[in-house]
Amino acid sequence: MQKATFLLAVACLAMSYTPSAAQDRKSITIASEGASPPWNSIDGTGNLTGFDVDVGRELCRRMNIECRFVPQDWDGIIPALTVGKFDAIMSGMAITEKRKKSISFSKPYAGGFNQLVVRKDLDLPPTQTSQKLDLTTIDAAKQLTLDQLKAALSGKTLGVLRSSNSEVVLTELFGSVATIRSYDSQDNMHLDLNAGRIDGGLADYFTWKTFLDSKDGEIATFYGPELSGGPWGPGVGVGMRQDDQRLIAAFDEAIKAASDDGTLRKLSLRWFAIDVSPSAAD
């Protein structure tokens, strides 16, 4: 009788112990692509570095959890999370309704926007690159801007990161008039743009700026307005498994504290030279 009671107690304990219920978690593994500077990249020693990594370490410090960063190709980053290869994603990943069908997100730890880049030798009609265009709702003025871009890019070949929200936007806005070529990494898209195999592309503004400021990027320039909203959602968050509710709550608390005391602002100024913290959007 005592043995049966003991076995029942052990079984109940085992059933109640899940990753999301583990209050005494000492360490977690965080994945990042490592190919989208200044969000994330691989340094000369082979280690992940960038804004995502610095923010992740700061949040883990506040949660009193040890964190280890590992590189993961963008194409498989969400499937790898869901099967337990790592515990979280911090890779400049936008919080979107589509992604929320398979994973959960913390509150945003950063904002941002995307922008088109084209080769300078195309000699396209000039545009206002400082204009901001939120795609959440499209009025007549926004539609006119989009129609002008569509006419200018007609017949061109445009690159984009595969499985990204930019791919969704680029295909929706210009897929009927331009050839869309998807890439497994931002670096490979840069190589084809530099070699003239594509005419331009759409990606995160800061990732583009790092490229344009380099020697190879001298052949290209920003084109059209800063694009945000719509498929890109409310900002960039930490991706986690849907059943990891305690970890999600811990990240939310740490993000709020780091935002309130200005730490996220300091880190964004360090990596982007502008404030992309959640408080900047308030």
C-alpha atoms as a PDB file:
ATOM      1  CA  MET A   1       0.000   0.000   0.000  1.00  0.00           C
ATOM      2  CA  GLN A   2       2.810   2.375   0.937  1.00  0.00           C
ATOM      3  CA  LYS A   3       4.637   1.444  -2.273  1.00  0.00           C
ATOM      4  CA  ALA A   4       1.554   2.177  -4.375  1.00  0.00           C
ATOM      5  CA  THR A   5       1.096   5.542  -2.645  1.00  0.00           C
ATOM      6  CA  PHE A   6       4.766   6.411  -3.213  1.00  0.00           C
ATOM      7  CA  LEU A   7       4.610   5.494  -6.898  1.00  0.00           C
ATOM      8  CA  LEU A   8       1.454   7.569  -7.342  1.00  0.00           C
ATOM      9  CA  ALA A   9       3.161  10.567  -5.731  1.00  0.00           C
ATOM     10  CA  VAL A  10       6.175  10.215  -8.018  1.00  0.00           C
ATOM     11  CA  ALA A  11       3.937   9.959 -11.078  1.00  0.00           C
ATOM     12  CA  CYS A  12       2.055  13.108 -10.083  1.00  0.00           C
ATOM     13  CA  LEU A  13       5.313  14.967  -9.522  1.00  0.00           C
ATOM     14  CA  ALA A  14       6.614  13.936 -12.928  1.00  0.00           C
ATOM     15  CA  MET A  15       3.408  15.055 -14.627  1.00  0.00           C
ATOM     16  CA  SER A  16       3.540  18.453 -12.920  1.00  0.00           C
ATOM     17  CA  TYR A  17       7.178  19.119 -13.900  1.00  0.00           C
ATOM     18  CA  THR A  18       7.336  20.784 -17.305  1.00  0.00           C
ATOM     19  CA  PRO A  19       9.765  23.358 -18.716  1.00  0.00           C
ATOM     20  CA  SER A  20       7.153  26.082 -18.285  1.00  0.00           C
ATOM     21  CA  ALA A  21       6.650  25.151 -14.636  1.00  0.00           C
ATOM     22  CA  ALA A  22      10.349  24.969 -13.755  1.00  0.00           C
ATOM     23  CA  GLN A  23      10.731  27.864 -11.334  1.00  0.00           C
ATOM     24  CA  ASP A  24      14.316  26.890 -10.519  1.00  0.00           C
ATOM     25  CA  ARG A  25      15.614  27.099 -14.083  1.00  0.00           C
ATOM     26  CA  LYS A  26      19.257  28.105 -13.921  1.00  0.00           C
ATOM     27  CA  SER A  27      20.101  28.522 -17.603  1.00  0.00           C
ATOM     28  CA  ILE A  28      18.522  28.866 -21.035  1.00  0.00           C
ATOM     29  CA  THR A  29      19.756  28.689 -24.617  1.00  0.00           C
ATOM     30  CA  ILE A  30      18.905  31.553 -26.989  1.00  0.00           C
ATOM     31  CA  ALA A  31      19.169  31.281 -30.776  1.00  0.00           C
ATOM     32  CA  SER A  32      20.103  34.109 -33.143  1.00  0.00           C
ATOM     33  CA  GLU A  33      20.726  34.076 -36.877  1.00  0.00           C
ATOM     34  CA  GLY A  34      24.070  35.843 -36.728  1.00  0.00           C
ATOM     35  CA  ALA A  35      23.723  37.364 -40.197  1.00  0.00           C
ATOM     36  CA  SER A  36      21.800  40.623 -39.717  1.00  0.00           C
ATOM     37  CA  PRO A  37      24.108  43.264 -38.228  1.00  0.00           C
ATOM     38  CA  PRO A  38      23.749  45.302 -36.130  1.00  0.00           C
ATOM     39  CA  TRP A  39      20.912  43.170 -34.742  1.00  0.00           C
ATOM     40  CA  ASN A  40      23.147  40.100 -34.695  1.00  0.00           C
ATOM     41  CA  SER A  41      26.296  38.831 -36.400  1.00  0.00           C
ATOM     42  CA  ILE A  42      29.271  36.511 -35.945  1.00  0.00           C
ATOM     43  CA  ASP A  43      32.462  38.203 -34.761  1.00  0.00           C
ATOM     44  CA  GLY A  44      36.055  37.360 -35.685  1.00  0.00           C
ATOM     45  CA  THR A  45      36.239  34.711 -32.962  1.00  0.00           C
ATOM     46  CA  GLY A  46      33.131  32.904 -34.158  1.00  0.00           C
ATOM     47  CA  ASN A  47      30.864  34.200 -31.381  1.00  0.00           C
ATOM     48  CA  LEU A  48      27.466  35.828 -31.741  1.00  0.00           C
ATOM     49  CA  THR A  49      27.413  39.569 -31.139  1.00  0.00           C
ATOM     50  CA  GLY A  50      25.067  42.500 -31.694  1.00  0.00           C
ATOM     51  CA  PHE A  51      22.085  44.292 -30.185  1.00  0.00           C
ATOM     52  CA  ASP A  52      20.026  41.104 -29.726  1.00  0.00           C
ATOM     53  CA  VAL A  53      22.894  39.438 -27.870  1.00  0.00           C
ATOM     54  CA  ASP A  54      23.587  42.390 -25.561  1.00  0.00           C
ATOM     55  CA  VAL A  55      19.887  42.776 -24.764  1.00  0.00           C
ATOM     56  CA  GLY A  56      19.549  39.028 -24.177  1.00  0.00           C
ATOM     57  CA  ARG A  57      22.439  38.973 -21.728  1.00  0.00           C
ATOM     58  CA  GLU A  58      21.039  41.989 -19.893  1.00  0.00           C
ATOM     59  CA  LEU A  59      17.588  40.388 -19.610  1.00  0.00           C
ATOM     60  CA  CYS A  60      19.079  37.102 -18.402  1.00  0.00           C
ATOM     61  CA  ARG A  61      21.073  39.010 -15.766  1.00  0.00           C
ATOM     62  CA  ARG A  62      17.877  40.605 -14.500  1.00  0.00           C
ATOM     63  CA  MET A  63      16.123  37.207 -14.447  1.00  0.00           C
ATOM     64  CA  ASN A  64      19.125  35.692 -12.622  1.00  0.00           C
ATOM     65  CA  ILE A  65      19.406  33.070 -15.383  1.00  0.00           C
ATOM     66  CA  GLU A  66      22.538  32.063 -17.235  1.00  0.00           C
ATOM     67  CA  CYS A  67      22.092  32.339 -21.000  1.00  0.00           C
ATOM     68  CA  ARG A  68      24.005  30.750 -23.856  1.00  0.00           C
ATOM     69  CA  PHE A  69      23.662  32.051 -27.422  1.00  0.00           C
ATOM     70  CA  VAL A  70      23.758  29.690 -30.391  1.00  0.00           C
ATOM     71  CA  PRO A  71      23.602  30.461 -34.149  1.00  0.00           C
ATOM     72  CA  GLN A  72      20.658  29.138 -36.150  1.00  0.00           C
ATOM     73  CA  ASP A  73      19.771  29.615 -39.832  1.00  0.00           C
ATOM     74  CA  TRP A  74      16.718  31.842 -40.269  1.00  0.00           C
ATOM     75  CA  ASP A  75      14.756  29.351 -42.381  1.00  0.00           C
ATOM     76  CA  GLY A  76      14.602  26.783 -39.589  1.00  0.00           C
ATOM     77  CA  ILE A  77      14.683  28.964 -36.509  1.00  0.00           C
ATOM     78  CA  ILE A  78      11.006  28.623 -35.505  1.00  0.00           C
ATOM     79  CA  PRO A  79      10.759  24.851 -36.160  1.00  0.00           C
ATOM     80  CA  ALA A  80      13.976  24.336 -34.160  1.00  0.00           C
ATOM     81  CA  LEU A  81      12.478  26.270 -31.240  1.00  0.00           C
ATOM     82  CA  THR A  82       9.255  24.290 -31.225  1.00  0.00           C
ATOM     83  CA  VAL A  83      11.078  20.933 -31.078  1.00  0.00           C
ATOM     84  CA  GLY A  84      13.196  22.094 -28.143  1.00  0.00           C
ATOM     85  CA  LYS A  85      16.563  22.706 -29.765  1.00  0.00           C
ATOM     86  CA  PHE A  86      16.786  25.926 -27.711  1.00  0.00           C
ATOM     87  CA  ASP A  87      14.568  27.912 -25.356  1.00  0.00           C
ATOM     88  CA  ALA A  88      14.174  31.308 -27.023  1.00  0.00           C
ATOM     89  CA  ILE A  89      14.795  33.318 -30.186  1.00  0.00           C
ATOM     90  CA  MET A  90      16.367  36.776 -30.141  1.00  0.00           C
ATOM     91  CA  SER A  91      17.095  37.591 -33.767  1.00  0.00           C
ATOM     92  CA  GLY A  92      15.399  40.855 -34.664  1.00  0.00           C
ATOM     93  CA  MET A  93      12.192  38.838 -35.048  1.00  0.00           C
ATOM     94  CA  ALA A  94       9.023  40.873 -35.553  1.00  0.00           C
ATOM     95  CA  ILE A  95       5.959  39.931 -33.512  1.00  0.00           C
ATOM     96  CA  THR A  96       3.328  38.898 -36.067  1.00  0.00           C
ATOM     97  CA  GLU A  97      -0.042  37.166 -35.975  1.00  0.00           C
ATOM     98  CA  LYS A  98       1.213  34.483 -38.362  1.00  0.00           C
ATOM     99  CA  ARG A  99       4.148  33.566 -36.120  1.00  0.00           C
ATOM    100  CA  LYS A 100       1.925  33.662 -33.027  1.00  0.00           C
ATOM    101  CA  LYS A 101       0.070  30.660 -34.425  1.00  0.00           C
ATOM    102  CA  SER A 102       3.108  28.477 -33.697  1.00  0.00           C
ATOM    103  CA  ILE A 103       5.115  30.348 -31.001  1.00  0.00           C
ATOM    104  CA  SER A 104       4.569  33.019 -28.351  1.00  0.00           C
ATOM    105  CA  PHE A 105       6.363  36.320 -27.875  1.00  0.00           C
ATOM    106  CA  SER A 106       7.456  38.551 -25.063  1.00  0.00           C
ATOM    107  CA  LYS A 107       6.442  42.191 -25.160  1.00  0.00           C
ATOM    108  CA  PRO A 108       8.555  44.178 -27.677  1.00  0.00           C
ATOM    109  CA  TYR A 109      12.130  45.020 -26.717  1.00  0.00           C
ATOM    110  CA  ALA A 110      12.704  47.107 -29.875  1.00  0.00           C
ATOM    111  CA  GLY A 111      11.020  48.685 -32.844  1.00  0.00           C
ATOM    112  CA  GLY A 112      12.312  49.287 -36.348  1.00  0.00           C
ATOM    113  CA  PHE A 113      11.384  49.613 -39.990  1.00  0.00           C
ATOM    114  CA  ASN A 114      12.222  48.182 -43.406  1.00  0.00           C
ATOM    115  CA  GLN A 115      13.259  49.976 -46.568  1.00  0.00           C
ATOM    116  CA  LEU A 116      13.977  49.279 -50.208  1.00  0.00           C
ATOM    117  CA  VAL A 117      17.500  49.538 -51.581  1.00  0.00           C
ATOM    118  CA  VAL A 118      18.326  49.762 -55.307  1.00  0.00           C
ATOM    119  CA  ARG A 119      21.465  49.936 -57.420  1.00  0.00           C
ATOM    120  CA  LYS A 120      22.468  53.531 -58.185  1.00  0.00           C
ATOM    121  CA  ASP A 121      23.072  52.775 -61.860  1.00  0.00           C
ATOM    122  CA  LEU A 122      19.346  52.106 -62.420  1.00  0.00           C
ATOM    123  CA  ASP A 123      18.770  55.883 -62.496  1.00  0.00           C
ATOM    124  CA  LEU A 124      15.228  55.570 -61.097  1.00  0.00           C
ATOM    125  CA  PRO A 125      12.926  58.549 -60.417  1.00  0.00           C
ATOM    126  CA  PRO A 126      13.804  60.242 -57.079  1.00  0.00           C
ATOM    127  CA  THR A 127      11.834  59.413 -53.931  1.00  0.00           C
ATOM    128  CA  GLN A 128      11.552  60.772 -50.386  1.00  0.00           C
ATOM    129  CA  THR A 129      13.568  58.248 -48.389  1.00  0.00           C
ATOM    130  CA  SER A 130      12.809  59.986 -45.077  1.00  0.00           C
ATOM    131  CA  GLN A 131       9.060  59.549 -45.555  1.00  0.00           C
ATOM    132  CA  LYS A 132       7.423  57.117 -43.117  1.00  0.00           C
ATOM    133  CA  LEU A 133       4.728  54.772 -44.404  1.00  0.00           C
ATOM    134  CA  ASP A 134       2.780  52.569 -41.983  1.00  0.00           C
ATOM    135  CA  LEU A 135       1.174  49.685 -43.874  1.00  0.00           C
ATOM    136  CA  THR A 136      -1.365  48.870 -41.146  1.00  0.00           C
ATOM    137  CA  THR A 137      -3.954  50.891 -43.042  1.00  0.00           C
ATOM    138  CA  ILE A 138      -3.660  52.192 -46.626  1.00  0.00           C
ATOM    139  CA  ASP A 139      -5.324  55.508 -47.483  1.00  0.00           C
ATOM    140  CA  ALA A 140      -5.357  57.291 -50.850  1.00  0.00           C
ATOM    141  CA  ALA A 141      -2.076  59.144 -50.226  1.00  0.00           C
ATOM    142  CA  LYS A 142      -0.248  55.963 -49.210  1.00  0.00           C
ATOM    143  CA  GLN A 143      -1.655  54.121 -52.202  1.00  0.00           C
ATOM    144  CA  LEU A 144      -0.372  56.840 -54.519  1.00  0.00           C
ATOM    145  CA  THR A 145       3.148  56.434 -53.068  1.00  0.00           C
ATOM    146  CA  LEU A 146       2.951  52.660 -53.493  1.00  0.00           C
ATOM    147  CA  ASP A 147       1.701  53.002 -57.078  1.00  0.00           C
ATOM    148  CA  GLN A 148       4.639  55.290 -57.906  1.00  0.00           C
ATOM    149  CA  LEU A 149       7.074  52.758 -56.439  1.00  0.00           C
ATOM    150  CA  LYS A 150       5.366  49.973 -58.368  1.00  0.00           C
ATOM    151  CA  ALA A 151       5.781  51.856 -61.636  1.00  0.00           C
ATOM    152  CA  ALA A 152       9.445  52.636 -60.928  1.00  0.00           C
ATOM    153  CA  LEU A 153      10.291  49.026 -60.036  1.00  0.00           C
ATOM    154  CA  SER A 154       8.359  47.417 -62.865  1.00  0.00           C
ATOM    155  CA  GLY A 155      10.473  44.838 -64.669  1.00  0.00           C
ATOM    156  CA  LYS A 156      13.177  44.834 -61.978  1.00  0.00           C
ATOM    157  CA  THR A 157      14.524  41.864 -60.001  1.00  0.00           C
ATOM    158  CA  LEU A 158      14.264  42.354 -56.249  1.00  0.00           C
ATOM    159  CA  GLY A 159      15.816  40.291 -53.470  1.00  0.00           C
ATOM    160  CA  VAL A 160      14.495  39.480 -50.013  1.00  0.00           C
ATOM    161  CA  LEU A 161      15.231  37.187 -47.081  1.00  0.00           C
ATOM    162  CA  ARG A 162      13.325  33.906 -47.375  1.00  0.00           C
ATOM    163  CA  SER A 163      10.588  33.229 -44.795  1.00  0.00           C
ATOM    164  CA  SER A 164      10.667  36.847 -43.614  1.00  0.00           C
ATOM    165  CA  ASN A 165       7.819  39.346 -43.311  1.00  0.00           C
ATOM    166  CA  SER A 166       9.665  41.444 -45.870  1.00  0.00           C
ATOM    167  CA  GLU A 167       9.150  38.601 -48.340  1.00  0.00           C
ATOM    168  CA  VAL A 168       5.396  38.793 -47.706  1.00  0.00           C
ATOM    169  CA  VAL A 169       5.344  42.568 -48.205  1.00  0.00           C
ATOM    170  CA  LEU A 170       7.585  42.578 -51.277  1.00  0.00           C
ATOM    171  CA  THR A 171       5.560  39.859 -52.982  1.00  0.00           C
ATOM    172  CA  GLU A 172       2.255  41.514 -52.160  1.00  0.00           C
ATOM    173  CA  LEU A 173       3.287  45.012 -53.247  1.00  0.00           C
ATOM    174  CA  PHE A 174       5.534  44.307 -56.232  1.00  0.00           C
ATOM    175  CA  GLY A 175       5.169  40.634 -57.139  1.00  0.00           C
ATOM    176  CA  SER A 176       2.881  41.441 -60.058  1.00  0.00           C
ATOM    177  CA  VAL A 177       5.411  43.760 -61.757  1.00  0.00           C
ATOM    178  CA  ALA A 178       8.845  42.597 -60.540  1.00  0.00           C
ATOM    179  CA  THR A 179      10.712  39.316 -60.236  1.00  0.00           C
ATOM    180  CA  ILE A 180      11.122  38.383 -56.565  1.00  0.00           C
ATOM    181  CA  ARG A 181      14.198  36.373 -55.634  1.00  0.00           C
ATOM    182  CA  SER A 182      14.375  34.935 -52.091  1.00  0.00           C
ATOM    183  CA  TYR A 183      17.651  34.329 -50.242  1.00  0.00           C
ATOM    184  CA  ASP A 184      18.711  32.140 -47.354  1.00  0.00           C
ATOM    185  CA  SER A 185      20.825  34.935 -45.869  1.00  0.00           C
ATOM    186  CA  GLN A 186      21.231  38.682 -46.065  1.00  0.00           C
ATOM    187  CA  ASP A 187      24.898  38.246 -46.996  1.00  0.00           C
ATOM    188  CA  ASN A 188      24.033  36.267 -50.126  1.00  0.00           C
ATOM    189  CA  MET A 189      21.545  38.942 -51.146  1.00  0.00           C
ATOM    190  CA  HIS A 190      24.257  41.582 -50.710  1.00  0.00           C
ATOM    191  CA  LEU A 191      26.601  39.569 -52.938  1.00  0.00           C
ATOM    192  CA  ASP A 192      24.032  39.341 -55.747  1.00  0.00           C
ATOM    193  CA  LEU A 193      23.157  43.028 -55.451  1.00  0.00           C
ATOM    194  CA  ASN A 194      26.822  43.970 -55.662  1.00  0.00           C
ATOM    195  CA  ALA A 195      27.331  41.657 -58.663  1.00  0.00           C
ATOM    196  CA  GLY A 196      24.301  43.070 -60.498  1.00  0.00           C
ATOM    197  CA  ARG A 197      22.304  39.827 -60.406  1.00  0.00           C
ATOM    198  CA  ILE A 198      19.459  41.691 -58.693  1.00  0.00           C
ATOM    199  CA  ASP A 199      18.444  45.339 -59.001  1.00  0.00           C
ATOM    200  CA  GLY A 200      17.494  45.920 -55.387  1.00  0.00           C
ATOM    201  CA  GLY A 201      15.779  44.426 -52.383  1.00  0.00           C
ATOM    202  CA  LEU A 202      13.759  44.923 -49.232  1.00  0.00           C
ATOM    203  CA  ALA A 203      15.116  44.342 -45.713  1.00  0.00           C
ATOM    204  CA  ASP A 204      15.534  45.827 -42.257  1.00  0.00           C
ATOM    205  CA  TYR A 205      16.833  49.408 -42.486  1.00  0.00           C
ATOM    206  CA  PHE A 206      19.703  48.917 -40.040  1.00  0.00           C
ATOM    207  CA  THR A 207      20.929  45.771 -41.744  1.00  0.00           C
ATOM    208  CA  TRP A 208      20.912  47.626 -45.064  1.00  0.00           C
ATOM    209  CA  LYS A 209      22.713  50.619 -43.562  1.00  0.00           C
ATOM    210  CA  THR A 210      25.583  48.429 -42.352  1.00  0.00           C
ATOM    211  CA  PHE A 211      25.958  47.140 -45.913  1.00  0.00           C
ATOM    212  CA  LEU A 212      25.587  50.554 -47.594  1.00  0.00           C
ATOM    213  CA  ASP A 213      28.253  52.021 -45.311  1.00  0.00           C
ATOM    214  CA  SER A 214      30.713  49.344 -46.481  1.00  0.00           C
ATOM    215  CA  LYS A 215      32.883  49.419 -49.619  1.00  0.00           C
ATOM    216  CA  ASP A 216      30.673  46.827 -51.351  1.00  0.00           C
ATOM    217  CA  GLY A 217      27.562  48.848 -50.589  1.00  0.00           C
ATOM    218  CA  GLU A 218      28.699  51.969 -52.437  1.00  0.00           C
ATOM    219  CA  ILE A 219      26.865  50.773 -55.569  1.00  0.00           C
ATOM    220  CA  ALA A 220      23.425  51.008 -53.915  1.00  0.00           C
ATOM    221  CA  THR A 221      21.198  53.457 -52.085  1.00  0.00           C
ATOM    222  CA  PHE A 222      17.934  53.592 -50.126  1.00  0.00           C
ATOM    223  CA  TYR A 223      14.817  53.982 -52.242  1.00  0.00           C
ATOM    224  CA  GLY A 224      11.288  54.893 -51.224  1.00  0.00           C
ATOM    225  CA  PRO A 225       9.815  55.468 -47.742  1.00  0.00           C
ATOM    226  CA  GLU A 226      10.536  53.785 -44.441  1.00  0.00           C
ATOM    227  CA  LEU A 227       8.036  50.908 -44.232  1.00  0.00           C
ATOM    228  CA  SER A 228       6.514  49.611 -40.994  1.00  0.00           C
ATOM    229  CA  GLY A 229       3.324  48.142 -39.539  1.00  0.00           C
ATOM    230  CA  GLY A 230       1.135  45.673 -41.401  1.00  0.00           C
ATOM    231  CA  PRO A 231       2.805  42.244 -41.557  1.00  0.00           C
ATOM    232  CA  TRP A 232       5.711  43.499 -39.402  1.00  0.00           C
ATOM    233  CA  GLY A 233       3.481  43.871 -36.344  1.00  0.00           C
ATOM    234  CA  PRO A 234       4.120  46.006 -33.221  1.00  0.00           C
ATOM    235  CA  GLY A 235       7.861  45.437 -32.866  1.00  0.00           C
ATOM    236  CA  VAL A 236      10.638  42.953 -32.145  1.00  0.00           C
ATOM    237  CA  GLY A 237      10.201  40.419 -29.338  1.00  0.00           C
ATOM    238  CA  VAL A 238      11.665  37.287 -27.790  1.00  0.00           C
ATOM    239  CA  GLY A 239      10.161  34.172 -29.374  1.00  0.00           C
ATOM    240  CA  MET A 240       9.382  31.231 -27.075  1.00  0.00           C
ATOM    241  CA  ARG A 241       7.362  28.022 -27.033  1.00  0.00           C
ATOM    242  CA  GLN A 242       3.682  28.567 -26.305  1.00  0.00           C
ATOM    243  CA  ASP A 243       3.737  26.407 -23.164  1.00  0.00           C
ATOM    244  CA  ASP A 244       6.655  28.331 -21.622  1.00  0.00           C
ATOM    245  CA  GLN A 245       4.403  30.838 -19.879  1.00  0.00           C
ATOM    246  CA  ARG A 246       6.654  31.388 -16.848  1.00  0.00           C
ATOM    247  CA  LEU A 247       9.639  32.147 -19.048  1.00  0.00           C
ATOM    248  CA  ILE A 248       7.518  34.534 -21.134  1.00  0.00           C
ATOM    249  CA  ALA A 249       6.375  36.334 -17.961  1.00  0.00           C
ATOM    250  CA  ALA A 250       9.971  36.550 -16.716  1.00  0.00           C
ATOM    251  CA  PHE A 251      11.147  38.097 -20.004  1.00  0.00           C
ATOM    252  CA  ASP A 252       8.232  40.554 -19.955  1.00  0.00           C
ATOM    253  CA  GLU A 253       9.152  41.712 -16.454  1.00  0.00           C
ATOM    254  CA  ALA A 254      12.832  42.073 -17.351  1.00  0.00           C
ATOM    255  CA  ILE A 255      12.043  43.953 -20.585  1.00  0.00           C
ATOM    256  CA  LYS A 256       9.791  46.403 -18.734  1.00  0.00           C
ATOM    257  CA  ALA A 257      12.458  47.071 -16.113  1.00  0.00           C
ATOM    258  CA  ALA A 258      15.198  47.502 -18.742  1.00  0.00           C
ATOM    259  CA  SER A 259      12.957  49.870 -20.689  1.00  0.00           C
ATOM    260  CA  ASP A 260      11.887  51.882 -17.644  1.00  0.00           C
ATOM    261  CA  ASP A 261      15.435  52.513 -16.414  1.00  0.00           C
ATOM    262  CA  GLY A 262      16.757  53.444 -19.881  1.00  0.00           C
ATOM    263  CA  THR A 263      18.974  50.383 -20.422  1.00  0.00           C
ATOM    264  CA  LEU A 264      17.295  49.413 -23.700  1.00  0.00           C
ATOM    265  CA  ARG A 265      17.670  52.976 -24.926  1.00  0.00           C
ATOM    266  CA  LYS A 266      21.406  52.949 -24.126  1.00  0.00           C
ATOM    267  CA  LEU A 267      21.926  49.640 -25.926  1.00  0.00           C
ATOM    268  CA  SER A 268      19.976  50.786 -28.987  1.00  0.00           C
ATOM    269  CA  LEU A 269      21.997  53.997 -29.184  1.00  0.00           C
ATOM    270  CA  ARG A 270      25.178  51.945 -28.969  1.00  0.00           C
ATOM    271  CA  TRP A 271      24.241  49.613 -31.840  1.00  0.00           C
ATOM    272  CA  PHE A 272      21.957  51.755 -34.036  1.00  0.00           C
ATOM    273  CA  ALA A 273      22.881  55.347 -33.122  1.00  0.00           C
ATOM    274  CA  ILE A 274      19.136  56.025 -32.644  1.00  0.00           C
ATOM    275  CA  ASP A 275      16.660  54.993 -29.989  1.00  0.00           C
ATOM    276  CA  VAL A 276      14.630  51.948 -31.079  1.00  0.00           C
ATOM    277  CA  SER A 277      13.577  50.973 -27.536  1.00  0.00           C
ATOM    278  CA  PRO A 278       9.862  50.545 -26.720  1.00  0.00           C
ATOM    279  CA  SER A 279       9.877  53.868 -24.826  1.00  0.00           C
ATOM    280  CA  ALA A 280      10.807  55.687 -28.060  1.00  0.00           C
ATOM    281  CA  ALA A 281       7.437  54.737 -29.544  1.00  0.00           C
ATOM    282  CA  ASP A 282       5.447  56.001 -26.532  1.00  0.00           C
END
